[in-house]
């Protein structure tokens, strides 16, 4: 199987070769050139409301701590003690007045300064100021917190100009969100297979009954998929005759938007809202190997506001019906990519770039290809 994607193939509409989805050398280049150089969604700011609140986030074998310090600033650090490298925090989130290593009790202030290290008084010229935690870049976009292992990477605002305005147009309660639940689901598929599935409407008519239920909630002919360099949107307007959603009547329900709104941020994060639900969802495609991923689903409701029954039904529908239907497609797709009878496919892209076009898949493939060749 070839792992070359020639300019001739690209011009002819030939898709990324199958080996890009399982080859170990490709995966290693993605690890170094995509995931260690990109912004990663780790939390909502309200998960880090108070000094001492923290979350941890894994980027393959790397781990990052994000916390709010006493002055209110967000800070992020590599999750490694500067004594002998011990992992400092294993919990996904919590609260702590200081960060203390469980091995030899080296203790760090929330701003990363080494505050105490037992028996170092016996060392000549030991300078605590030179042994603080190693910093990681942290930024906020539309009230969501992101980290980047690359100190030279462009800012989020530079990477995704206009993205926050798009989000605030459809998600009015972005600043008031609070975490409802988060779950990590292992998927036997390459992370790009999962991403591809989410950014095309071609399969909605054919892949399963649950996607057809989603189509009934929106004006599918008005479904638009738009590329914006390092981010993309796919948005469907509401149908005018919808009276029920997720098996329940819409009487007296409330929602973030009646549109189907999705924004994807390079390389692997999506923030979205399903029609007639009062939650904002995120899903993140975290690679764990060339042919395995961990798909993180999180749901955020509006603080101080209970969930309408329609919203609860939407979350169940996503967890128990739509999500599993997509994951089955991901796994089946990954198996087929290993076939000796398949090497390259064709994008289905018409001149109009309509709701069933695969132009976002092509755009995403180009971003991946350019990143690992750079």
Protein backbone atom coordinates (compact mmCIF):
# COMPACT_ATOMS: atom_id res chain seq x y z
CA UNK A 1 0.00 0.00 0.00
CA UNK A 2 1.29 3.46 -0.91
CA UNK A 3 1.63 6.23 1.65
CA UNK A 4 2.15 8.88 -1.03
CA UNK A 5 -0.63 11.31 -1.94
CA UNK A 6 0.47 12.97 -5.14
CA UNK A 7 -0.66 16.35 -6.42
CA UNK A 8 -2.06 14.51 -9.43
CA UNK A 9 -4.22 12.34 -7.19
CA UNK A 10 -5.41 15.35 -5.24
CA UNK A 11 -6.32 17.26 -8.40
CA UNK A 12 -8.24 14.21 -9.64
CA UNK A 13 -10.30 14.01 -6.43
CA UNK A 14 -8.56 10.86 -5.18
CA UNK A 15 -8.77 10.58 -1.40
CA UNK A 16 -6.02 10.11 1.15
CA UNK A 17 -4.52 6.59 0.75
CA UNK A 18 -5.64 3.91 3.19
CA UNK A 19 -2.20 3.49 4.74
CA UNK A 20 -2.46 6.98 6.23
CA UNK A 21 -5.02 5.50 8.61
CA UNK A 22 -2.93 2.66 10.01
CA UNK A 23 0.76 3.11 9.16
CA UNK A 24 2.94 3.46 12.27
CA UNK A 25 5.33 5.96 10.67
CA UNK A 26 2.41 8.22 9.71
CA UNK A 27 1.11 8.02 13.26
CA UNK A 28 4.51 9.01 14.66
CA UNK A 29 4.65 12.05 12.38
CA UNK A 30 1.11 13.03 13.44
CA UNK A 31 2.12 12.70 17.07
CA UNK A 32 5.05 15.10 16.69
CA UNK A 33 3.81 17.47 14.00
CA UNK A 34 0.08 17.65 14.71
CA UNK A 35 -0.71 16.78 18.31
CA UNK A 36 2.39 18.24 19.95
CA UNK A 37 1.95 21.49 17.97
CA UNK A 38 -1.82 22.09 18.17
CA UNK A 39 -4.38 23.55 20.54
CA UNK A 40 -6.32 21.03 22.64
CA UNK A 41 -9.67 21.65 24.31
CA UNK A 42 -9.39 20.72 28.00
CA UNK A 43 -12.30 22.31 29.90
CA UNK A 44 -14.79 25.13 30.23
CA UNK A 45 -13.63 28.13 32.28
CA UNK A 46 -16.32 27.44 34.88
CA UNK A 47 -14.63 24.12 35.72
CA UNK A 48 -11.73 26.30 36.89
CA UNK A 49 -13.69 28.97 38.70
CA UNK A 50 -11.73 29.19 41.98
CA UNK A 51 -8.02 29.34 42.83
CA UNK A 52 -6.86 25.76 43.30
CA UNK A 53 -9.38 24.22 40.90
CA UNK A 54 -7.57 22.05 38.36
CA UNK A 55 -8.09 19.73 35.41
CA UNK A 56 -5.59 17.39 33.79
CA UNK A 57 -5.51 16.49 30.11
CA UNK A 58 -3.64 13.78 28.20
CA UNK A 59 -2.12 14.44 24.77
CA UNK A 60 -0.98 10.92 23.91
CA UNK A 61 1.71 10.10 26.53
CA UNK A 62 1.97 13.73 27.64
CA UNK A 63 -0.07 15.07 30.55
CA UNK A 64 -0.88 18.69 31.34
CA UNK A 65 -2.21 20.31 34.53
CA UNK A 66 -4.37 23.42 34.14
CA UNK A 67 -5.24 25.43 37.24
CA UNK A 68 -6.42 28.85 38.35
CA UNK A 69 -3.96 30.71 40.56
CA UNK A 70 -4.63 33.19 43.36
CA UNK A 71 -4.69 36.23 41.09
CA UNK A 72 -7.39 34.65 38.92
CA UNK A 73 -5.10 33.81 36.00
CA UNK A 74 -5.18 30.42 34.32
CA UNK A 75 -1.85 28.58 34.23
CA UNK A 76 -0.82 25.24 32.70
CA UNK A 77 2.16 22.98 33.38
CA UNK A 78 3.64 19.68 32.33
CA UNK A 79 2.39 17.08 34.82
CA UNK A 80 5.85 16.00 35.98
CA UNK A 81 7.74 16.63 39.22
CA UNK A 82 11.09 18.32 38.63
CA UNK A 83 12.85 15.98 41.04
CA UNK A 84 12.68 12.66 39.17
CA UNK A 85 9.77 13.11 36.80
CA UNK A 86 7.00 11.52 38.84
CA UNK A 87 3.43 12.14 37.58
CA UNK A 88 2.05 14.72 40.00
CA UNK A 89 -1.74 14.39 39.53
CA UNK A 90 -3.72 11.46 38.13
CA UNK A 91 -7.22 12.79 38.87
CA UNK A 92 -9.04 14.33 35.88
CA UNK A 93 -10.22 17.32 37.94
CA UNK A 94 -10.37 18.54 41.51
CA UNK A 95 -9.21 21.20 43.93
CA UNK A 96 -5.89 21.60 45.74
CA UNK A 97 -4.20 24.48 47.61
CA UNK A 98 -0.82 23.35 46.28
CA UNK A 99 0.62 20.62 44.04
CA UNK A 100 2.54 18.03 46.05
CA UNK A 101 4.40 15.07 44.61
CA UNK A 102 3.32 11.81 46.27
CA UNK A 103 6.81 10.33 45.86
CA UNK A 104 9.19 12.66 47.75
CA UNK A 105 6.84 15.50 48.74
CA UNK A 106 8.26 18.21 46.54
CA UNK A 107 5.56 20.88 46.75
CA UNK A 108 4.70 23.50 44.15
CA UNK A 109 2.59 26.64 44.42
CA UNK A 110 -0.33 26.96 42.01
CA UNK A 111 1.80 29.25 39.82
CA UNK A 112 4.37 26.47 39.42
CA UNK A 113 7.05 27.78 41.80
CA UNK A 114 8.82 25.15 43.89
CA UNK A 115 7.74 25.94 47.44
CA UNK A 116 9.38 23.11 49.36
CA UNK A 117 11.68 20.13 48.73
CA UNK A 118 12.67 17.95 51.72
CA UNK A 119 16.40 17.63 52.48
CA UNK A 120 17.54 19.97 49.71
CA UNK A 121 19.12 22.09 52.42
CA UNK A 122 22.00 19.59 52.30
CA UNK A 123 22.74 20.57 48.69
CA UNK A 124 25.15 23.39 47.98
CA UNK A 125 23.69 26.26 46.03
CA UNK A 126 20.29 24.59 45.53
CA UNK A 127 18.06 27.31 44.03
CA UNK A 128 14.34 26.56 44.29
CA UNK A 129 13.57 29.20 41.67
CA UNK A 130 15.30 27.04 39.04
CA UNK A 131 13.19 23.96 39.74
CA UNK A 132 9.64 25.13 39.14
CA UNK A 133 7.14 23.26 36.97
CA UNK A 134 7.62 23.57 33.22
CA UNK A 135 4.93 25.85 31.75
CA UNK A 136 2.52 25.02 28.93
CA UNK A 137 0.65 27.61 26.87
CA UNK A 138 -3.00 28.11 27.81
CA UNK A 139 -5.65 30.29 26.12
CA UNK A 140 -9.42 30.73 26.19
CA UNK A 141 -11.76 30.79 23.18
CA UNK A 142 -15.50 31.36 23.69
CA UNK A 143 -15.16 30.39 27.39
CA UNK A 144 -13.45 27.08 26.56
CA UNK A 145 -9.88 26.46 27.77
CA UNK A 146 -7.20 25.15 25.42
CA UNK A 147 -3.54 24.15 25.87
CA UNK A 148 -0.68 23.82 23.39
CA UNK A 149 2.65 22.05 23.94
CA UNK A 150 4.32 24.21 21.28
CA UNK A 151 5.54 27.57 22.67
CA UNK A 152 5.88 28.92 19.11
CA UNK A 153 2.37 28.04 17.87
CA UNK A 154 0.09 30.80 16.62
CA UNK A 155 -2.57 31.96 19.06
CA UNK A 156 -6.10 30.60 18.99
CA UNK A 157 -7.40 33.94 17.74
CA UNK A 158 -4.93 33.82 14.85
CA UNK A 159 -5.71 30.18 14.09
CA UNK A 160 -9.50 30.57 14.12
CA UNK A 161 -10.51 34.16 13.30
CA UNK A 162 -14.25 34.53 13.46
CA UNK A 163 -14.83 31.23 15.27
CA UNK A 164 -15.94 32.77 18.56
CA UNK A 165 -18.42 35.05 16.81
CA UNK A 166 -19.92 32.02 15.05
CA UNK A 167 -20.26 30.18 18.36
CA UNK A 168 -21.86 33.08 20.20
CA UNK A 169 -24.38 33.53 17.40
CA UNK A 170 -25.86 30.07 18.04
CA UNK A 171 -24.86 29.37 21.67
CA UNK A 172 -26.06 32.33 23.76
CA UNK A 173 -25.18 30.84 27.14
CA UNK A 174 -21.51 30.04 26.50
CA UNK A 175 -20.28 31.99 29.54
CA UNK A 176 -22.75 30.36 31.95
CA UNK A 177 -22.12 26.69 31.20
CA UNK A 178 -21.39 24.04 33.80
CA UNK A 179 -20.27 20.45 33.24
CA UNK A 180 -23.05 17.86 33.41
CA UNK A 181 -21.13 14.73 32.45
CA UNK A 182 -18.01 13.58 30.64
CA UNK A 183 -17.20 10.12 29.37
CA UNK A 184 -14.33 8.60 27.39
CA UNK A 185 -15.28 5.87 24.89
CA UNK A 186 -12.61 3.65 23.31
CA UNK A 187 -13.06 3.26 19.54
CA UNK A 188 -11.16 0.78 17.38
CA UNK A 189 -10.51 3.30 14.62
CA UNK A 190 -7.96 5.91 13.59
CA UNK A 191 -8.81 9.40 14.86
CA UNK A 192 -9.14 10.72 11.29
CA UNK A 193 -11.82 8.12 10.48
CA UNK A 194 -13.90 9.52 13.35
CA UNK A 195 -13.34 13.09 12.21
CA UNK A 196 -14.31 12.31 8.61
CA UNK A 197 -17.60 10.81 9.75
CA UNK A 198 -18.58 13.99 11.57
CA UNK A 199 -17.89 16.45 8.74
CA UNK A 200 -19.95 15.12 5.85
CA UNK A 201 -23.68 14.77 5.31
CA UNK A 202 -23.39 12.23 2.50
CA UNK A 203 -24.02 9.28 4.82
CA UNK A 204 -27.10 10.75 6.52
CA UNK A 205 -29.49 9.29 3.95
CA UNK A 206 -27.96 5.83 3.92
CA UNK A 207 -26.09 4.82 7.07
CA UNK A 208 -28.79 4.07 9.61
CA UNK A 209 -32.17 5.00 11.08
CA UNK A 210 -30.86 7.39 13.74
CA UNK A 211 -29.32 9.77 11.22
CA UNK A 212 -32.67 9.90 9.47
CA UNK A 213 -34.23 11.02 12.77
CA UNK A 214 -31.76 13.90 12.92
CA UNK A 215 -32.59 14.91 9.34
CA UNK A 216 -36.27 15.20 10.31
CA UNK A 217 -35.40 17.93 12.84
CA UNK A 218 -33.66 20.23 10.35
CA UNK A 219 -34.07 21.61 6.87
CA UNK A 220 -31.48 19.22 5.46
CA UNK A 221 -31.44 20.89 2.07
CA UNK A 222 -30.17 24.00 3.85
CA UNK A 223 -27.41 22.11 5.67
CA UNK A 224 -24.14 23.98 4.93
CA UNK A 225 -20.58 22.78 5.40
CA UNK A 226 -17.99 25.56 5.27
CA UNK A 227 -14.19 25.48 5.59
CA UNK A 228 -12.26 28.27 7.29
CA UNK A 229 -8.63 27.10 7.11
CA UNK A 230 -7.99 25.72 10.63
CA UNK A 231 -11.64 25.44 11.60
CA UNK A 232 -14.87 24.44 9.88
CA UNK A 233 -18.60 24.66 10.49
CA UNK A 234 -21.53 22.46 9.53
CA UNK A 235 -24.88 23.99 10.31
CA UNK A 236 -28.45 22.98 9.56
CA UNK A 237 -31.44 25.35 9.87
CA UNK A 238 -34.60 24.23 11.69
CA UNK A 239 -37.67 22.87 9.97
CA UNK A 240 -40.75 25.00 10.47
CA UNK A 241 -43.10 22.09 11.22
CA UNK A 242 -41.23 20.38 14.07
CA UNK A 243 -43.43 19.75 17.11
CA UNK A 244 -41.57 16.81 18.70
CA UNK A 245 -37.89 16.00 19.21
CA UNK A 246 -36.20 12.92 20.66
CA UNK A 247 -39.59 11.33 21.26
CA UNK A 248 -41.07 14.21 23.29
CA UNK A 249 -43.29 17.23 22.50
CA UNK A 250 -41.59 20.63 22.40
CA UNK A 251 -44.36 22.36 24.39
CA UNK A 252 -42.82 24.54 27.13
CA UNK A 253 -39.29 23.34 26.29
CA UNK A 254 -36.34 25.73 25.91
CA UNK A 255 -33.11 25.33 24.02
CA UNK A 256 -29.79 26.92 23.11
CA UNK A 257 -30.79 26.92 19.44
CA UNK A 258 -33.28 25.21 17.15
CA UNK A 259 -30.47 24.89 14.59
CA UNK A 260 -28.07 21.95 14.28
CA UNK A 261 -24.80 23.79 14.97
CA UNK A 262 -21.28 22.36 14.84
CA UNK A 263 -17.85 23.95 14.78
CA UNK A 264 -14.69 21.88 14.42
CA UNK A 265 -11.33 23.26 15.56
CA UNK A 266 -8.10 21.84 14.16
CA UNK A 267 -7.16 19.13 14.71
CA UNK A 268 -9.65 17.13 16.78
CA UNK A 269 -12.21 19.13 18.80
CA UNK A 270 -15.86 19.82 18.02
CA UNK A 271 -18.26 22.08 19.93
CA UNK A 272 -21.92 21.69 19.01
CA UNK A 273 -25.60 21.95 19.87
CA UNK A 274 -28.35 19.64 18.72
CA UNK A 275 -31.70 21.21 17.79
CA UNK A 276 -34.10 21.94 20.67
CA UNK A 277 -31.67 20.91 23.44
CA UNK A 278 -30.49 23.23 26.18
CA UNK A 279 -26.93 21.89 26.34
CA UNK A 280 -23.66 22.53 24.56
CA UNK A 281 -21.72 19.39 23.69
CA UNK A 282 -18.07 18.75 22.96
CA UNK A 283 -16.41 15.74 21.48
CA UNK A 284 -12.71 15.23 21.10
CA UNK A 285 -11.01 12.55 19.01
CA UNK A 286 -7.93 11.61 21.03
CA UNK A 287 -5.60 9.16 19.24
CA UNK A 288 -4.24 6.29 21.32
CA UNK A 289 -2.53 4.39 18.48
CA UNK A 290 -2.53 4.12 14.68
CA UNK A 291 -5.86 2.27 14.73
CA UNK A 292 -7.33 3.19 18.11
CA UNK A 293 -8.82 6.33 19.64
CA UNK A 294 -10.56 7.54 22.76
CA UNK A 295 -13.62 9.62 21.99
CA UNK A 296 -14.41 12.10 24.77
CA UNK A 297 -18.04 13.23 25.02
CA UNK A 298 -18.95 16.08 27.38
CA UNK A 299 -22.22 17.93 27.97
CA UNK A 300 -22.55 21.40 29.49
CA UNK A 301 -25.81 22.83 30.81
CA UNK A 302 -26.62 26.36 31.91
CA UNK A 303 -25.68 27.00 35.52
CA UNK A 304 -28.64 27.33 37.86
CA UNK A 305 -31.10 26.13 35.26
CA UNK A 306 -32.55 22.65 35.29
CA UNK A 307 -32.54 20.48 32.21
CA UNK A 308 -35.81 20.29 30.26
CA UNK A 309 -37.10 16.77 29.65
CA UNK A 310 -36.48 17.21 25.91
CA UNK A 311 -32.83 17.98 26.66
CA UNK A 312 -32.50 14.92 28.87
CA UNK A 313 -34.02 12.85 26.07
CA UNK A 314 -31.53 14.38 23.61
CA UNK A 315 -28.56 13.38 25.78
CA UNK A 316 -29.89 9.82 26.06
CA UNK A 317 -30.49 9.73 22.29
CA UNK A 318 -26.93 10.89 21.63
CA UNK A 319 -25.39 8.44 24.10
CA UNK A 320 -27.51 5.42 23.30
CA UNK A 321 -28.49 5.81 19.64
CA UNK A 322 -26.66 8.34 17.45
CA UNK A 323 -23.23 7.95 19.06
CA UNK A 324 -23.23 4.13 18.88
CA UNK A 325 -24.49 4.23 15.28
CA UNK A 326 -21.56 6.46 14.29
CA UNK A 327 -19.05 4.39 16.25
CA UNK A 328 -20.17 1.23 14.45
CA UNK A 329 -19.48 3.04 11.18
CA UNK A 330 -16.05 4.14 12.45
CA UNK A 331 -15.06 0.58 13.35
CA UNK A 332 -16.38 -0.88 10.11
CA UNK A 333 -14.56 1.81 8.10
CA UNK A 334 -11.27 1.09 9.87
CA UNK A 335 -11.55 -2.62 9.12
CA UNK A 336 -12.17 -1.93 5.44
CA UNK A 337 -9.16 0.37 5.17
CA UNK A 338 -7.00 -2.66 5.99
CA UNK A 339 -8.37 -4.60 3.00
CA UNK A 340 -5.94 -5.67 0.27
CA UNK A 341 -8.75 -4.72 -2.10
CA UNK A 342 -8.73 -1.00 -1.23
CA UNK A 343 -6.02 1.63 -1.56
CA UNK A 344 -7.57 4.98 -2.49
CA UNK A 345 -11.10 6.28 -2.88
CA UNK A 346 -12.87 9.23 -4.50
CA UNK A 347 -14.37 12.32 -2.93
CA UNK A 348 -17.99 13.00 -3.81
CA UNK A 349 -17.80 16.75 -4.41
CA UNK A 350 -20.08 18.64 -6.77
CA UNK A 351 -19.67 22.19 -8.01
CA UNK A 352 -22.27 23.48 -5.56
CA UNK A 353 -20.56 22.09 -2.42
CA UNK A 354 -24.01 21.11 -1.20
CA UNK A 355 -25.19 19.34 1.95
CA UNK A 356 -24.02 15.90 0.76
CA UNK A 357 -20.61 17.05 -0.48
CA UNK A 358 -17.36 15.71 0.96
CA UNK A 359 -15.36 18.92 0.55
CA UNK A 360 -14.74 19.24 4.31
CA UNK A 361 -13.23 15.73 4.29
CA UNK A 362 -10.87 16.81 1.50
CA UNK A 363 -10.02 20.01 3.39
CA UNK A 364 -9.28 18.06 6.57
CA UNK A 365 -7.12 15.55 4.66
CA UNK A 366 -5.10 18.39 3.15
CA UNK A 367 -4.48 19.90 6.58
CA UNK A 368 -3.27 16.54 7.88
CA UNK A 369 -1.08 15.90 4.85
CA UNK A 370 0.50 19.37 4.95
CA UNK A 371 1.18 19.08 8.69
CA UNK A 372 3.04 15.77 8.57
CA UNK A 373 5.07 16.80 5.51
CA UNK A 374 6.13 20.17 6.93
